């Protein structure tokens, strides 16, 4: 039970917003972690600290945890089939040996025809 409680507290603490303040007395930039509700009281009790505006730190999906679902893969497969020999087609549509050889021969003859012009 105690381990779960500690994990919950740490999770809440790590997900609390962090605010940057400039200390007018020392010239330091200091970071404080607190809830949004406590921010106003903190500012009133610490008039020598001026809040600094900074960009929010938003974390999206990371690395291997973001996966394309089957429905979207099907859409990408259909788009790829409309554009043969594109990277999207190669990635989401399996190609038979016959298709690959046919495309190579067509490309070869197109190149020959373009050289004649």
PDB file of N, CA and C in Angstrom:
ATOM      1  N   UNK A   1       0.839  -1.199   0.000  1.00  0.00           N
ATOM      2  CA  UNK A   1       0.000   0.000   0.000  1.00  0.00           C
ATOM      3  C   UNK A   1       0.874   1.249   0.000  1.00  0.00           C
ATOM      4  N   UNK A   2       1.919   1.248   0.813  1.00  0.00           N
ATOM      5  CA  UNK A   2       2.783   2.427   0.936  1.00  0.00           C
ATOM      6  C   UNK A   2       3.500   2.715  -0.377  1.00  0.00           C
ATOM      7  N   UNK A   3       3.956   1.660  -1.077  1.00  0.00           N
ATOM      8  CA  UNK A   3       4.628   1.835  -2.357  1.00  0.00           C
ATOM      9  C   UNK A   3       3.702   2.487  -3.378  1.00  0.00           C
ATOM     10  N   UNK A   4       2.449   2.043  -3.421  1.00  0.00           N
ATOM     11  CA  UNK A   4       1.470   2.612  -4.348  1.00  0.00           C
ATOM     12  C   UNK A   4       1.200   4.076  -4.045  1.00  0.00           C
ATOM     13  N   UNK A   5       1.154   4.427  -2.770  1.00  0.00           N
ATOM     14  CA  UNK A   5       0.927   5.807  -2.361  1.00  0.00           C
ATOM     15  C   UNK A   5       2.088   6.692  -2.803  1.00  0.00           C
ATOM     16  N   UNK A   6       3.300   6.205  -2.601  1.00  0.00           N
ATOM     17  CA  UNK A   6       4.488   6.974  -3.009  1.00  0.00           C
ATOM     18  C   UNK A   6       4.499   7.168  -4.516  1.00  0.00           C
ATOM     19  N   UNK A   7       4.162   6.113  -5.261  1.00  0.00           N
ATOM     20  CA  UNK A   7       4.119   6.221  -6.720  1.00  0.00           C
ATOM     21  C   UNK A   7       3.076   7.240  -7.158  1.00  0.00           C
ATOM     22  N   UNK A   8       1.902   7.257  -6.508  1.00  0.00           N
ATOM     23  CA  UNK A   8       0.854   8.231  -6.850  1.00  0.00           C
ATOM     24  C   UNK A   8       1.298   9.656  -6.568  1.00  0.00           C
ATOM     25  N   UNK A   9       1.952   9.858  -5.435  1.00  0.00           N
ATOM     26  CA  UNK A   9       2.438  11.200  -5.085  1.00  0.00           C
ATOM     27  C   UNK A   9       3.490  11.653  -6.075  1.00  0.00           C
ATOM     28  N   UNK A  10       4.422  10.762  -6.417  1.00  0.00           N
ATOM     29  CA  UNK A  10       5.458  11.111  -7.393  1.00  0.00           C
ATOM     30  C   UNK A  10       4.851  11.413  -8.754  1.00  0.00           C
ATOM     31  N   UNK A  11       3.844  10.639  -9.157  1.00  0.00           N
ATOM     32  CA  UNK A  11       3.178  10.883 -10.435  1.00  0.00           C
ATOM     33  C   UNK A  11       2.520  12.260 -10.445  1.00  0.00           C
ATOM     34  N   UNK A  12       1.820  12.587  -9.362  1.00  0.00           N
ATOM     35  CA  UNK A  12       1.178  13.898  -9.279  1.00  0.00           C
ATOM     36  C   UNK A  12       2.215  15.021  -9.274  1.00  0.00           C
ATOM     37  N   UNK A  13       3.301  14.828  -8.525  1.00  0.00           N
ATOM     38  CA  UNK A  13       4.335  15.860  -8.432  1.00  0.00           C
ATOM     39  C   UNK A  13       5.007  16.077  -9.788  1.00  0.00           C
ATOM     40  N   UNK A  14       5.294  14.999 -10.509  1.00  0.00           N
ATOM     41  CA  UNK A  14       5.947  15.109 -11.813  1.00  0.00           C
ATOM     42  C   UNK A  14       5.038  15.729 -12.865  1.00  0.00           C
ATOM     43  N   UNK A  15       3.729  15.632 -12.661  1.00  0.00           N
ATOM     44  CA  UNK A  15       2.791  16.194 -13.624  1.00  0.00           C
ATOM     45  C   UNK A  15       2.282  17.576 -13.226  1.00  0.00           C
ATOM     46  N   UNK A  16       2.790  18.115 -12.130  1.00  0.00           N
ATOM     47  CA  UNK A  16       2.422  19.472 -11.715  1.00  0.00           C
ATOM     48  C   UNK A  16       3.093  20.479 -12.648  1.00  0.00           C
ATOM     49  N   UNK A  17       2.433  21.589 -12.877  1.00  0.00           N
ATOM     50  CA  UNK A  17       3.067  22.616 -13.716  1.00  0.00           C
ATOM     51  C   UNK A  17       4.284  23.221 -13.023  1.00  0.00           C
ATOM     52  N   UNK A  18       5.246  23.596 -13.824  1.00  0.00           N
ATOM     53  CA  UNK A  18       6.459  24.247 -13.315  1.00  0.00           C
ATOM     54  C   UNK A  18       6.447  25.690 -13.803  1.00  0.00           C
ATOM     55  N   UNK A  19       6.802  26.587 -12.909  1.00  0.00           N
ATOM     56  CA  UNK A  19       6.788  28.018 -13.217  1.00  0.00           C
ATOM     57  C   UNK A  19       8.172  28.597 -12.988  1.00  0.00           C
ATOM     58  N   UNK A  20       8.603  29.449 -13.906  1.00  0.00           N
ATOM     59  CA  UNK A  20       9.894  30.127 -13.785  1.00  0.00           C
ATOM     60  C   UNK A  20       9.676  31.507 -13.176  1.00  0.00           C
ATOM     61  N   UNK A  21      10.511  31.842 -12.192  1.00  0.00           N
ATOM     62  CA  UNK A  21      10.448  33.145 -11.546  1.00  0.00           C
ATOM     63  C   UNK A  21      11.830  33.778 -11.543  1.00  0.00           C
ATOM     64  N   UNK A  22      11.838  35.084 -11.766  1.00  0.00           N
ATOM     65  CA  UNK A  22      13.075  35.856 -11.695  1.00  0.00           C
ATOM     66  C   UNK A  22      13.138  36.502 -10.318  1.00  0.00           C
ATOM     67  N   UNK A  23      14.214  36.222  -9.574  1.00  0.00           N
ATOM     68  CA  UNK A  23      14.395  36.787  -8.245  1.00  0.00           C
ATOM     69  C   UNK A  23      15.070  38.143  -8.405  1.00  0.00           C
ATOM     70  N   UNK A  24      14.334  39.219  -8.101  1.00  0.00           N
ATOM     71  CA  UNK A  24      14.868  40.570  -8.284  1.00  0.00           C
ATOM     72  C   UNK A  24      15.962  40.912  -7.276  1.00  0.00           C
ATOM     73  N   UNK A  25      16.018  40.187  -6.169  1.00  0.00           N
ATOM     74  CA  UNK A  25      17.047  40.451  -5.154  1.00  0.00           C
ATOM     75  C   UNK A  25      18.386  39.813  -5.523  1.00  0.00           C
ATOM     76  N   UNK A  26      18.346  38.610  -6.060  1.00  0.00           N
ATOM     77  CA  UNK A  26      19.596  37.888  -6.356  1.00  0.00           C
ATOM     78  C   UNK A  26      19.925  37.847  -7.849  1.00  0.00           C
ATOM     79  N   UNK A  27      18.935  38.128  -8.704  1.00  0.00           N
ATOM     80  CA  UNK A  27      19.155  38.063 -10.144  1.00  0.00           C
ATOM     81  C   UNK A  27      19.100  36.649 -10.707  1.00  0.00           C
ATOM     82  N   UNK A  28      18.647  35.696  -9.912  1.00  0.00           N
ATOM     83  CA  UNK A  28      18.576  34.302 -10.339  1.00  0.00           C
ATOM     84  C   UNK A  28      17.231  33.988 -10.986  1.00  0.00           C
ATOM     85  N   UNK A  29      17.247  33.023 -11.882  1.00  0.00           N
ATOM     86  CA  UNK A  29      16.028  32.476 -12.450  1.00  0.00           C
ATOM     87  C   UNK A  29      15.780  31.140 -11.760  1.00  0.00           C
ATOM     88  N   UNK A  30      14.636  31.027 -11.072  1.00  0.00           N
ATOM     89  CA  UNK A  30      14.342  29.852 -10.250  1.00  0.00           C
ATOM     90  C   UNK A  30      13.060  29.211 -10.750  1.00  0.00           C
ATOM     91  N   UNK A  31      13.023  27.865 -10.696  1.00  0.00           N
ATOM     92  CA  UNK A  31      11.837  27.114 -11.124  1.00  0.00           C
ATOM     93  C   UNK A  31      11.116  26.561  -9.902  1.00  0.00           C
ATOM     94  N   UNK A  32       9.800  26.753  -9.844  1.00  0.00           N
ATOM     95  CA  UNK A  32       8.979  26.226  -8.757  1.00  0.00           C
ATOM     96  C   UNK A  32       7.890  25.339  -9.340  1.00  0.00           C
ATOM     97  N   UNK A  33       7.570  24.272  -8.609  1.00  0.00           N
ATOM     98  CA  UNK A  33       6.513  23.351  -9.004  1.00  0.00           C
ATOM     99  C   UNK A  33       5.350  23.524  -8.039  1.00  0.00           C
ATOM    100  N   UNK A  34       4.183  23.816  -8.606  1.00  0.00           N
ATOM    101  CA  UNK A  34       2.987  24.005  -7.766  1.00  0.00           C
ATOM    102  C   UNK A  34       1.746  23.908  -8.629  1.00  0.00           C
ATOM    103  N   UNK A  35       0.622  23.757  -7.984  1.00  0.00           N
ATOM    104  CA  UNK A  35      -0.636  23.717  -8.735  1.00  0.00           C
ATOM    105  C   UNK A  35      -1.010  25.132  -9.169  1.00  0.00           C
ATOM    106  N   UNK A  36      -1.871  25.188 -10.141  1.00  0.00           N
ATOM    107  CA  UNK A  36      -2.299  26.479 -10.673  1.00  0.00           C
ATOM    108  C   UNK A  36      -3.043  27.286  -9.592  1.00  0.00           C
ATOM    109  N   UNK A  37      -3.785  26.576  -8.734  1.00  0.00           N
ATOM    110  CA  UNK A  37      -4.529  27.242  -7.664  1.00  0.00           C
ATOM    111  C   UNK A  37      -3.597  27.934  -6.669  1.00  0.00           C
ATOM    112  N   UNK A  38      -2.435  27.336  -6.424  1.00  0.00           N
ATOM    113  CA  UNK A  38      -1.487  27.906  -5.458  1.00  0.00           C
ATOM    114  C   UNK A  38      -0.647  29.045  -6.036  1.00  0.00           C
ATOM    115  N   UNK A  39      -0.676  29.207  -7.335  1.00  0.00           N
ATOM    116  CA  UNK A  39       0.192  30.192  -7.991  1.00  0.00           C
ATOM    117  C   UNK A  39      -0.093  31.620  -7.526  1.00  0.00           C
ATOM    118  N   UNK A  40      -1.343  32.025  -7.452  1.00  0.00           N
ATOM    119  CA  UNK A  40      -1.674  33.399  -7.046  1.00  0.00           C
ATOM    120  C   UNK A  40      -1.208  33.706  -5.620  1.00  0.00           C
ATOM    121  N   UNK A  41      -1.450  32.758  -4.700  1.00  0.00           N
ATOM    122  CA  UNK A  41      -0.997  32.964  -3.318  1.00  0.00           C
ATOM    123  C   UNK A  41       0.527  33.059  -3.254  1.00  0.00           C
ATOM    124  N   UNK A  42       1.196  32.221  -4.030  1.00  0.00           N
ATOM    125  CA  UNK A  42       2.656  32.237  -4.044  1.00  0.00           C
ATOM    126  C   UNK A  42       3.177  33.592  -4.518  1.00  0.00           C
ATOM    127  N   UNK A  43       2.549  34.147  -5.553  1.00  0.00           N
ATOM    128  CA  UNK A  43       2.972  35.462  -6.073  1.00  0.00           C
ATOM    129  C   UNK A  43       2.756  36.561  -5.021  1.00  0.00           C
ATOM    130  N   UNK A  44       1.622  36.499  -4.298  1.00  0.00           N
ATOM    131  CA  UNK A  44       1.347  37.504  -3.270  1.00  0.00           C
ATOM    132  C   UNK A  44       2.334  37.417  -2.115  1.00  0.00           C
ATOM    133  N   UNK A  45       2.709  36.207  -1.726  1.00  0.00           N
ATOM    134  CA  UNK A  45       3.619  36.006  -0.598  1.00  0.00           C
ATOM    135  C   UNK A  45       5.088  36.226  -0.953  1.00  0.00           C
ATOM    136  N   UNK A  46       5.403  36.312  -2.236  1.00  0.00           N
ATOM    137  CA  UNK A  46       6.791  36.486  -2.694  1.00  0.00           C
ATOM    138  C   UNK A  46       6.868  37.623  -3.707  1.00  0.00           C
ATOM    139  N   UNK A  47       6.732  38.872  -3.259  1.00  0.00           N
ATOM    140  CA  UNK A  47       6.708  39.989  -4.214  1.00  0.00           C
ATOM    141  C   UNK A  47       8.061  40.214  -4.909  1.00  0.00           C
ATOM    142  N   UNK A  48       9.141  39.693  -4.351  1.00  0.00           N
ATOM    143  CA  UNK A  48      10.457  39.857  -4.972  1.00  0.00           C
ATOM    144  C   UNK A  48      10.661  38.895  -6.152  1.00  0.00           C
ATOM    145  N   UNK A  49       9.721  37.948  -6.351  1.00  0.00           N
ATOM    146  CA  UNK A  49       9.796  37.017  -7.477  1.00  0.00           C
ATOM    147  C   UNK A  49       8.831  37.455  -8.573  1.00  0.00           C
ATOM    148  N   UNK A  50       9.335  37.609  -9.786  1.00  0.00           N
ATOM    149  CA  UNK A  50       8.514  37.993 -10.938  1.00  0.00           C
ATOM    150  C   UNK A  50       8.414  36.798 -11.875  1.00  0.00           C
ATOM    151  N   UNK A  51       7.193  36.405 -12.189  1.00  0.00           N
ATOM    152  CA  UNK A  51       6.998  35.239 -13.048  1.00  0.00           C
ATOM    153  C   UNK A  51       7.487  35.539 -14.460  1.00  0.00           C
ATOM    154  N   UNK A  52       8.212  34.572 -15.023  1.00  0.00           N
ATOM    155  CA  UNK A  52       8.721  34.679 -16.381  1.00  0.00           C
ATOM    156  C   UNK A  52       7.848  33.822 -17.297  1.00  0.00           C
ATOM    157  N   UNK A  53       7.498  34.372 -18.428  1.00  0.00           N
ATOM    158  CA  UNK A  53       6.685  33.622 -19.379  1.00  0.00           C
ATOM    159  C   UNK A  53       7.603  32.685 -20.157  1.00  0.00           C
ATOM    160  N   UNK A  54       7.199  31.437 -20.262  1.00  0.00           N
ATOM    161  CA  UNK A  54       7.984  30.459 -21.009  1.00  0.00           C
ATOM    162  C   UNK A  54       7.032  29.574 -21.808  1.00  0.00           C
ATOM    163  N   UNK A  55       7.599  28.851 -22.757  1.00  0.00           N
ATOM    164  CA  UNK A  55       6.791  27.957 -23.592  1.00  0.00           C
ATOM    165  C   UNK A  55       6.356  26.749 -22.769  1.00  0.00           C
ATOM    166  N   UNK A  56       5.127  26.291 -22.973  1.00  0.00           N
ATOM    167  CA  UNK A  56       4.686  25.100 -22.242  1.00  0.00           C
ATOM    168  C   UNK A  56       5.438  23.872 -22.732  1.00  0.00           C
ATOM    169  N   UNK A  57       5.686  22.953 -21.827  1.00  0.00           N
ATOM    170  CA  UNK A  57       6.378  21.722 -22.181  1.00  0.00           C
ATOM    171  C   UNK A  57       5.348  20.624 -22.353  1.00  0.00           C
ATOM    172  N   UNK A  58       4.978  20.385 -23.600  1.00  0.00           N
ATOM    173  CA  UNK A  58       3.944  19.407 -23.920  1.00  0.00           C
ATOM    174  C   UNK A  58       4.625  18.173 -24.504  1.00  0.00           C
ATOM    175  N   UNK A  59       4.267  17.025 -23.988  1.00  0.00           N
ATOM    176  CA  UNK A  59       4.846  15.780 -24.477  1.00  0.00           C
ATOM    177  C   UNK A  59       3.768  15.006 -25.210  1.00  0.00           C
ATOM    178  N   UNK A  60       4.064  14.641 -26.453  1.00  0.00           N
ATOM    179  CA  UNK A  60       3.143  13.822 -27.233  1.00  0.00           C
ATOM    180  C   UNK A  60       3.539  12.364 -27.108  1.00  0.00           C
ATOM    181  N   UNK A  61       3.188  11.584 -28.095  1.00  0.00           N
ATOM    182  CA  UNK A  61       3.588  10.190 -28.121  1.00  0.00           C
ATOM    183  C   UNK A  61       5.099  10.071 -28.261  1.00  0.00           C
ATOM    184  N   UNK A  62       5.641   8.984 -27.764  1.00  0.00           N
ATOM    185  CA  UNK A  62       7.084   8.815 -27.840  1.00  0.00           C
ATOM    186  C   UNK A  62       7.438   7.499 -28.499  1.00  0.00           C
ATOM    187  N   UNK A  63       8.381   7.553 -29.404  1.00  0.00           N
ATOM    188  CA  UNK A  63       9.009   6.383 -30.005  1.00  0.00           C
ATOM    189  C   UNK A  63       8.081   5.280 -30.434  1.00  0.00           C
ATOM    190  N   UNK A  64       8.334   4.087 -29.913  1.00  0.00           N
ATOM    191  CA  UNK A  64       7.628   2.897 -30.357  1.00  0.00           C
ATOM    192  C   UNK A  64       6.219   2.766 -29.776  1.00  0.00           C
ATOM    193  N   UNK A  65       5.826   3.683 -28.928  1.00  0.00           N
ATOM    194  CA  UNK A  65       4.490   3.579 -28.337  1.00  0.00           C
ATOM    195  C   UNK A  65       3.395   4.072 -29.281  1.00  0.00           C
ATOM    196  N   UNK A  66       3.781   4.842 -30.279  1.00  0.00           N
ATOM    197  CA  UNK A  66       2.809   5.355 -31.235  1.00  0.00           C
ATOM    198  C   UNK A  66       2.752   4.381 -32.404  1.00  0.00           C
ATOM    199  N   UNK A  67       1.610   3.764 -32.600  1.00  0.00           N
ATOM    200  CA  UNK A  67       1.461   2.795 -33.674  1.00  0.00           C
ATOM    201  C   UNK A  67       0.304   3.195 -34.566  1.00  0.00           C
ATOM    202  N   UNK A  68       0.466   2.918 -35.854  1.00  0.00           N
ATOM    203  CA  UNK A  68      -0.593   3.205 -36.813  1.00  0.00           C
ATOM    204  C   UNK A  68      -1.638   2.101 -36.717  1.00  0.00           C
ATOM    205  N   UNK A  69      -2.903   2.482 -36.557  1.00  0.00           N
ATOM    206  CA  UNK A  69      -3.940   1.462 -36.435  1.00  0.00           C
ATOM    207  C   UNK A  69      -4.276   0.875 -37.809  1.00  0.00           C
ATOM    208  N   UNK A  70      -4.983  -0.232 -37.812  1.00  0.00           N
ATOM    209  CA  UNK A  70      -5.262  -0.983 -39.033  1.00  0.00           C
ATOM    210  C   UNK A  70      -6.089  -0.173 -40.036  1.00  0.00           C
ATOM    211  N   UNK A  71      -7.036   0.598 -39.554  1.00  0.00           N
ATOM    212  CA  UNK A  71      -7.868   1.397 -40.461  1.00  0.00           C
ATOM    213  C   UNK A  71      -7.068   2.435 -41.229  1.00  0.00           C
ATOM    214  N   UNK A  72      -6.146   3.082 -40.532  1.00  0.00           N
ATOM    215  CA  UNK A  72      -5.325   4.089 -41.201  1.00  0.00           C
ATOM    216  C   UNK A  72      -4.330   3.426 -42.151  1.00  0.00           C
ATOM    217  N   UNK A  73      -3.830   2.242 -41.789  1.00  0.00           N
ATOM    218  CA  UNK A  73      -2.942   1.509 -42.692  1.00  0.00           C
ATOM    219  C   UNK A  73      -3.670   1.162 -43.990  1.00  0.00           C
ATOM    220  N   UNK A  74      -4.951   0.820 -43.874  1.00  0.00           N
ATOM    221  CA  UNK A  74      -5.729   0.505 -45.068  1.00  0.00           C
ATOM    222  C   UNK A  74      -5.871   1.731 -45.962  1.00  0.00           C
ATOM    223  N   UNK A  75      -6.108   2.888 -45.363  1.00  0.00           N
ATOM    224  CA  UNK A  75      -6.203   4.131 -46.138  1.00  0.00           C
ATOM    225  C   UNK A  75      -4.875   4.416 -46.839  1.00  0.00           C
ATOM    226  N   UNK A  76      -3.766   4.267 -46.123  1.00  0.00           N
ATOM    227  CA  UNK A  76      -2.451   4.494 -46.729  1.00  0.00           C
ATOM    228  C   UNK A  76      -2.187   3.502 -47.852  1.00  0.00           C
ATOM    229  N   UNK A  77      -2.660   2.281 -47.698  1.00  0.00           N
ATOM    230  CA  UNK A  77      -2.508   1.269 -48.736  1.00  0.00           C
ATOM    231  C   UNK A  77      -3.262   1.673 -50.000  1.00  0.00           C
ATOM    232  N   UNK A  78      -4.478   2.182 -49.842  1.00  0.00           N
ATOM    233  CA  UNK A  78      -5.271   2.615 -50.999  1.00  0.00           C
ATOM    234  C   UNK A  78      -4.630   3.819 -51.690  1.00  0.00           C
ATOM    235  N   UNK A  79      -4.126   4.759 -50.901  1.00  0.00           N
ATOM    236  CA  UNK A  79      -3.453   5.921 -51.489  1.00  0.00           C
ATOM    237  C   UNK A  79      -2.206   5.470 -52.231  1.00  0.00           C
ATOM    238  N   UNK A  80      -1.446   4.563 -51.639  1.00  0.00           N
ATOM    239  CA  UNK A  80      -0.237   4.054 -52.272  1.00  0.00           C
ATOM    240  C   UNK A  80      -0.519   3.334 -53.572  1.00  0.00           C
ATOM    241  N   UNK A  81      -1.634   2.607 -53.638  1.00  0.00           N
ATOM    242  CA  UNK A  81      -1.962   1.888 -54.872  1.00  0.00           C
ATOM    243  C   UNK A  81      -2.338   2.844 -56.000  1.00  0.00           C
ATOM    244  N   UNK A  82      -2.787   4.031 -55.675  1.00  0.00           N
ATOM    245  CA  UNK A  82      -3.102   5.040 -56.704  1.00  0.00           C
ATOM    246  C   UNK A  82      -1.832   5.681 -57.267  1.00  0.00           C
ATOM    247  N   UNK A  83      -0.712   5.547 -56.528  1.00  0.00           N
ATOM    248  CA  UNK A  83       0.567   6.102 -56.960  1.00  0.00           C
ATOM    249  C   UNK A  83       1.604   4.983 -56.978  1.00  0.00           C
ATOM    250  N   UNK A  84       1.544   4.146 -58.023  1.00  0.00           N
ATOM    251  CA  UNK A  84       2.456   3.002 -58.074  1.00  0.00           C
ATOM    252  C   UNK A  84       3.922   3.446 -58.054  1.00  0.00           C
ATOM    253  N   UNK A  85       4.734   2.635 -57.459  1.00  0.00           N
ATOM    254  CA  UNK A  85       6.184   2.836 -57.369  1.00  0.00           C
ATOM    255  C   UNK A  85       6.556   4.011 -56.461  1.00  0.00           C
ATOM    256  N   UNK A  86       5.611   4.534 -55.713  1.00  0.00           N
ATOM    257  CA  UNK A  86       5.919   5.592 -54.746  1.00  0.00           C
ATOM    258  C   UNK A  86       6.402   4.940 -53.449  1.00  0.00           C
ATOM    259  N   UNK A  87       7.100   5.686 -52.596  1.00  0.00           N
ATOM    260  CA  UNK A  87       7.529   5.109 -51.313  1.00  0.00           C
ATOM    261  C   UNK A  87       6.354   4.598 -50.472  1.00  0.00           C
ATOM    262  N   UNK A  88       5.224   5.302 -50.548  1.00  0.00           N
ATOM    263  CA  UNK A  88       4.042   4.880 -49.799  1.00  0.00           C
ATOM    264  C   UNK A  88       3.528   3.545 -50.324  1.00  0.00           C
ATOM    265  N   UNK A  89       3.536   3.376 -51.640  1.00  0.00           N
ATOM    266  CA  UNK A  89       3.094   2.123 -52.242  1.00  0.00           C
ATOM    267  C   UNK A  89       4.031   0.988 -51.849  1.00  0.00           C
ATOM    268  N   UNK A  90       5.321   1.245 -51.875  1.00  0.00           N
ATOM    269  CA  UNK A  90       6.293   0.209 -51.531  1.00  0.00           C
ATOM    270  C   UNK A  90       6.178  -0.201 -50.064  1.00  0.00           C
ATOM    271  N   UNK A  91       5.838   0.750 -49.215  1.00  0.00           N
ATOM    272  CA  UNK A  91       5.775   0.452 -47.788  1.00  0.00           C
ATOM    273  C   UNK A  91       4.512  -0.303 -47.386  1.00  0.00           C
ATOM    274  N   UNK A  92       3.365   0.072 -47.945  1.00  0.00           N
ATOM    275  CA  UNK A  92       2.088  -0.480 -47.477  1.00  0.00           C
ATOM    276  C   UNK A  92       1.455  -1.509 -48.411  1.00  0.00           C
ATOM    277  N   UNK A  93       2.015  -1.707 -49.596  1.00  0.00           N
ATOM    278  CA  UNK A  93       1.469  -2.701 -50.514  1.00  0.00           C
ATOM    279  C   UNK A  93       2.564  -3.683 -50.883  1.00  0.00           C
ATOM    280  N   UNK A  94       2.249  -4.956 -50.728  1.00  0.00           N
ATOM    281  CA  UNK A  94       3.247  -5.954 -51.108  1.00  0.00           C
ATOM    282  C   UNK A  94       3.285  -6.043 -52.629  1.00  0.00           C
ATOM    283  N   UNK A  95       4.487  -6.202 -53.156  1.00  0.00           N
ATOM    284  CA  UNK A  95       4.664  -6.278 -54.601  1.00  0.00           C
ATOM    285  C   UNK A  95       5.131  -7.672 -54.964  1.00  0.00           C
ATOM    286  N   UNK A  96       4.537  -8.220 -56.004  1.00  0.00           N
ATOM    287  CA  UNK A  96       4.983  -9.529 -56.469  1.00  0.00           C
ATOM    288  C   UNK A  96       6.226  -9.339 -57.334  1.00  0.00           C
ATOM    289  N   UNK A  97       6.922 -10.413 -57.554  1.00  0.00           N
ATOM    290  CA  UNK A  97       8.119 -10.372 -58.397  1.00  0.00           C
ATOM    291  C   UNK A  97       7.730  -9.935 -59.809  1.00  0.00           C
ATOM    292  N   UNK A  98       6.580 -10.412 -60.271  1.00  0.00           N
ATOM    293  CA  UNK A  98       6.109 -10.056 -61.617  1.00  0.00           C
ATOM    294  C   UNK A  98       5.915  -8.539 -61.730  1.00  0.00           C
ATOM    295  N   UNK A  99       5.268  -7.915 -60.708  1.00  0.00           N
ATOM    296  CA  UNK A  99       5.061  -6.461 -60.732  1.00  0.00           C
ATOM    297  C   UNK A  99       6.383  -5.706 -60.757  1.00  0.00           C
ATOM    298  N   UNK A 100       7.335  -6.158 -59.962  1.00  0.00           N
ATOM    299  CA  UNK A 100       8.634  -5.481 -59.892  1.00  0.00           C
ATOM    300  C   UNK A 100       9.346  -5.572 -61.235  1.00  0.00           C
ATOM    301  N   UNK A 101       9.378  -6.767 -61.855  1.00  0.00           N
ATOM    302  CA  UNK A 101      10.048  -6.957 -63.143  1.00  0.00           C
ATOM    303  C   UNK A 101       9.349  -6.162 -64.246  1.00  0.00           C
ATOM    304  N   UNK A 102       8.013  -6.139 -64.214  1.00  0.00           N
ATOM    305  CA  UNK A 102       7.269  -5.381 -65.217  1.00  0.00           C
ATOM    306  C   UNK A 102       7.607  -3.894 -65.123  1.00  0.00           C
ATOM    307  N   UNK A 103       7.662  -3.359 -63.926  1.00  0.00           N
ATOM    308  CA  UNK A 103       8.000  -1.946 -63.754  1.00  0.00           C
ATOM    309  C   UNK A 103       9.421  -1.647 -64.211  1.00  0.00           C
ATOM    310  N   UNK A 104      10.343  -2.570 -63.948  1.00  0.00           N
ATOM    311  CA  UNK A 104      11.725  -2.372 -64.399  1.00  0.00           C
ATOM    312  C   UNK A 104      11.813  -2.328 -65.916  1.00  0.00           C
ATOM    313  N   UNK A 105      11.092  -3.230 -66.601  1.00  0.00           N
ATOM    314  CA  UNK A 105      11.115  -3.264 -68.070  1.00  0.00           C
ATOM    315  C   UNK A 105      10.467  -2.012 -68.647  1.00  0.00           C
ATOM    316  N   UNK A 106       9.334  -1.584 -68.068  1.00  0.00           N
ATOM    317  CA  UNK A 106       8.675  -0.359 -68.538  1.00  0.00           C
ATOM    318  C   UNK A 106       9.604   0.838 -68.367  1.00  0.00           C
ATOM    319  N   UNK A 107      10.267   0.930 -67.228  1.00  0.00           N
ATOM    320  CA  UNK A 107      11.188   2.033 -66.979  1.00  0.00           C
ATOM    321  C   UNK A 107      12.345   2.008 -67.978  1.00  0.00           C
ATOM    322  N   UNK A 108      12.840   0.820 -68.260  1.00  0.00           N
ATOM    323  CA  UNK A 108      13.941   0.675 -69.216  1.00  0.00           C
ATOM    324  C   UNK A 108      13.521   1.190 -70.595  1.00  0.00           C
ATOM    325  N   UNK A 109      12.335   0.810 -71.058  1.00  0.00           N
ATOM    326  CA  UNK A 109      11.868   1.226 -72.386  1.00  0.00           C
ATOM    327  C   UNK A 109      11.523   2.716 -72.435  1.00  0.00           C
ATOM    328  N   UNK A 110      11.026   3.252 -71.335  1.00  0.00           N
ATOM    329  CA  UNK A 110      10.769   4.697 -71.274  1.00  0.00           C
ATOM    330  C   UNK A 110      12.089   5.453 -71.395  1.00  0.00           C
ATOM    331  N   UNK A 111      13.116   4.973 -70.709  1.00  0.00           N
ATOM    332  CA  UNK A 111      14.435   5.612 -70.802  1.00  0.00           C
ATOM    333  C   UNK A 111      14.986   5.544 -72.220  1.00  0.00           C
ATOM    334  N   UNK A 112      14.818   4.386 -72.893  1.00  0.00           N
ATOM    335  CA  UNK A 112      15.292   4.242 -74.274  1.00  0.00           C
ATOM    336  C   UNK A 112      14.556   5.221 -75.190  1.00  0.00           C
ATOM    337  N   UNK A 113      13.251   5.343 -75.012  1.00  0.00           N
ATOM    338  CA  UNK A 113      12.452   6.248 -75.859  1.00  0.00           C
ATOM    339  C   UNK A 113      12.854   7.716 -75.613  1.00  0.00           C
ATOM    340  N   UNK A 114      13.159   8.057 -74.367  1.00  0.00           N
ATOM    341  CA  UNK A 114      13.544   9.427 -74.066  1.00  0.00           C
ATOM    342  C   UNK A 114      14.917   9.767 -74.638  1.00  0.00           C
ATOM    343  N   UNK A 115      15.809   8.789 -74.729  1.00  0.00           N
ATOM    344  CA  UNK A 115      17.139   9.025 -75.295  1.00  0.00           C
ATOM    345  C   UNK A 115      17.062   9.278 -76.806  1.00  0.00           C
ATOM    346  N   UNK A 116      16.082   8.672 -77.482  1.00  0.00           N
ATOM    347  CA  UNK A 116      15.910   8.848 -78.938  1.00  0.00           C
ATOM    348  C   UNK A 116      15.459  10.263 -79.282  1.00  0.00           C
ATOM    349  N   UNK A 117      14.782  10.927 -78.346  1.00  0.00           N
ATOM    350  CA  UNK A 117      14.222  12.256 -78.636  1.00  0.00           C
ATOM    351  C   UNK A 117      15.267  13.302 -78.575  1.00  0.00           C
TER     352      UNK A 117
END
